[in-house]
Amino acid sequence: MTCTIEQPATSAERVPAVRARADLSVVRQQYRGRTSWILKNPLSLEYFRLLDEEYFLLTQFDGTRSLAEVKRAFDERFAPQ
């Protein structure tokens, strides 16, 4: 009996071993017509401001999506107008 493990065809199809930390505090903020997201690291008490596009990418890395799926979702949501 042999066991084969199916590998993704390309690196874009593999699911990265990266996830956003579950303990981050997040607040949505509107400023001058732009949405930004304030993240607080509860361990270091550091704050980070992310643009809407950056926060969207952060939420996509949940351990279930491939890079190709993340790119496709990003392109659909933030397509040039």
Protein backbone atom coordinates (compact mmCIF):
# COMPACT_ATOMS: atom_id res chain seq x y z
CA MET A 1 0.00 0.00 0.00
CA THR A 2 1.35 3.40 -0.92
CA CYS A 3 0.29 6.77 0.35
CA THR A 4 0.52 9.85 -1.81
CA ILE A 5 0.21 13.40 -0.63
CA GLU A 6 -1.24 15.81 -3.13
CA GLN A 7 0.91 18.92 -3.40
CA PRO A 8 -0.38 22.26 -4.71
CA ALA A 9 0.52 22.84 -8.35
CA THR A 10 2.02 26.28 -7.61
CA SER A 11 3.15 28.20 -4.57
CA ALA A 12 0.15 30.53 -5.01
CA GLU A 13 -2.17 27.57 -4.46
CA ARG A 14 -0.69 26.57 -1.12
CA VAL A 15 -2.21 27.78 2.11
CA PRO A 16 0.37 29.84 4.00
CA ALA A 17 0.98 28.98 7.64
CA VAL A 18 0.22 32.56 8.66
CA ARG A 19 -2.70 33.82 10.73
CA ALA A 20 -3.66 37.08 12.32
CA ARG A 21 -3.49 36.90 16.09
CA ALA A 22 -6.87 36.34 17.69
CA ASP A 23 -6.08 38.57 20.68
CA LEU A 24 -5.64 41.82 18.73
CA SER A 25 -8.11 44.56 19.56
CA VAL A 26 -9.52 46.18 16.42
CA VAL A 27 -11.42 49.46 16.00
CA ARG A 28 -12.72 50.81 12.70
CA GLN A 29 -12.13 54.53 12.21
CA GLN A 30 -13.28 57.05 9.60
CA TYR A 31 -10.94 59.98 8.96
CA ARG A 32 -11.13 62.44 6.07
CA GLY A 33 -13.35 60.09 4.10
CA ARG A 34 -11.01 57.11 4.44
CA THR A 35 -11.55 54.01 6.52
CA SER A 36 -8.68 52.86 8.67
CA TRP A 37 -8.36 50.16 11.28
CA ILE A 38 -6.60 50.64 14.61
CA LEU A 39 -5.05 47.46 15.96
CA LYS A 40 -3.80 47.13 19.49
CA ASN A 41 -1.35 44.46 20.56
CA PRO A 42 -2.49 43.63 24.11
CA LEU A 43 0.91 42.24 25.09
CA SER A 44 3.15 45.12 24.02
CA LEU A 45 0.42 47.80 24.13
CA GLU A 46 1.53 48.95 20.66
CA TYR A 47 -0.97 50.44 18.21
CA PHE A 48 -0.99 50.07 14.44
CA ARG A 49 -3.07 51.93 11.84
CA LEU A 50 -3.98 49.92 8.75
CA LEU A 51 -5.71 51.15 5.64
CA ASP A 52 -8.85 49.33 4.56
CA GLU A 53 -6.90 47.32 1.96
CA GLU A 54 -4.26 46.27 4.49
CA TYR A 55 -6.84 45.21 7.06
CA PHE A 56 -8.72 43.22 4.44
CA LEU A 57 -5.53 41.31 3.65
CA LEU A 58 -4.91 40.68 7.34
CA THR A 59 -8.38 39.16 7.72
CA GLN A 60 -7.83 36.90 4.71
CA PHE A 61 -4.88 35.11 6.30
CA ASP A 62 -6.91 32.75 8.46
CA GLY A 63 -5.12 29.49 7.67
CA THR A 64 -7.75 28.30 5.17
CA ARG A 65 -7.15 30.42 2.05
CA SER A 66 -4.41 30.02 -0.52
CA LEU A 67 -2.47 33.01 -1.78
CA ALA A 68 -4.35 32.75 -5.08
CA GLU A 69 -7.70 32.90 -3.23
CA VAL A 70 -6.54 35.92 -1.22
CA LYS A 71 -5.43 37.68 -4.40
CA ARG A 72 -8.72 36.91 -6.14
CA ALA A 73 -10.77 38.20 -3.18
CA PHE A 74 -8.62 41.34 -2.98
CA ASP A 75 -8.96 42.02 -6.71
CA GLU A 76 -12.76 41.61 -6.50
CA ARG A 77 -13.12 43.92 -3.52
CA PHE A 78 -10.62 46.62 -4.53
CA ALA A 79 -10.83 46.57 -8.32
CA PRO A 80 -9.76 49.87 -9.92
CA GLN A 81 -12.72 52.07 -10.80
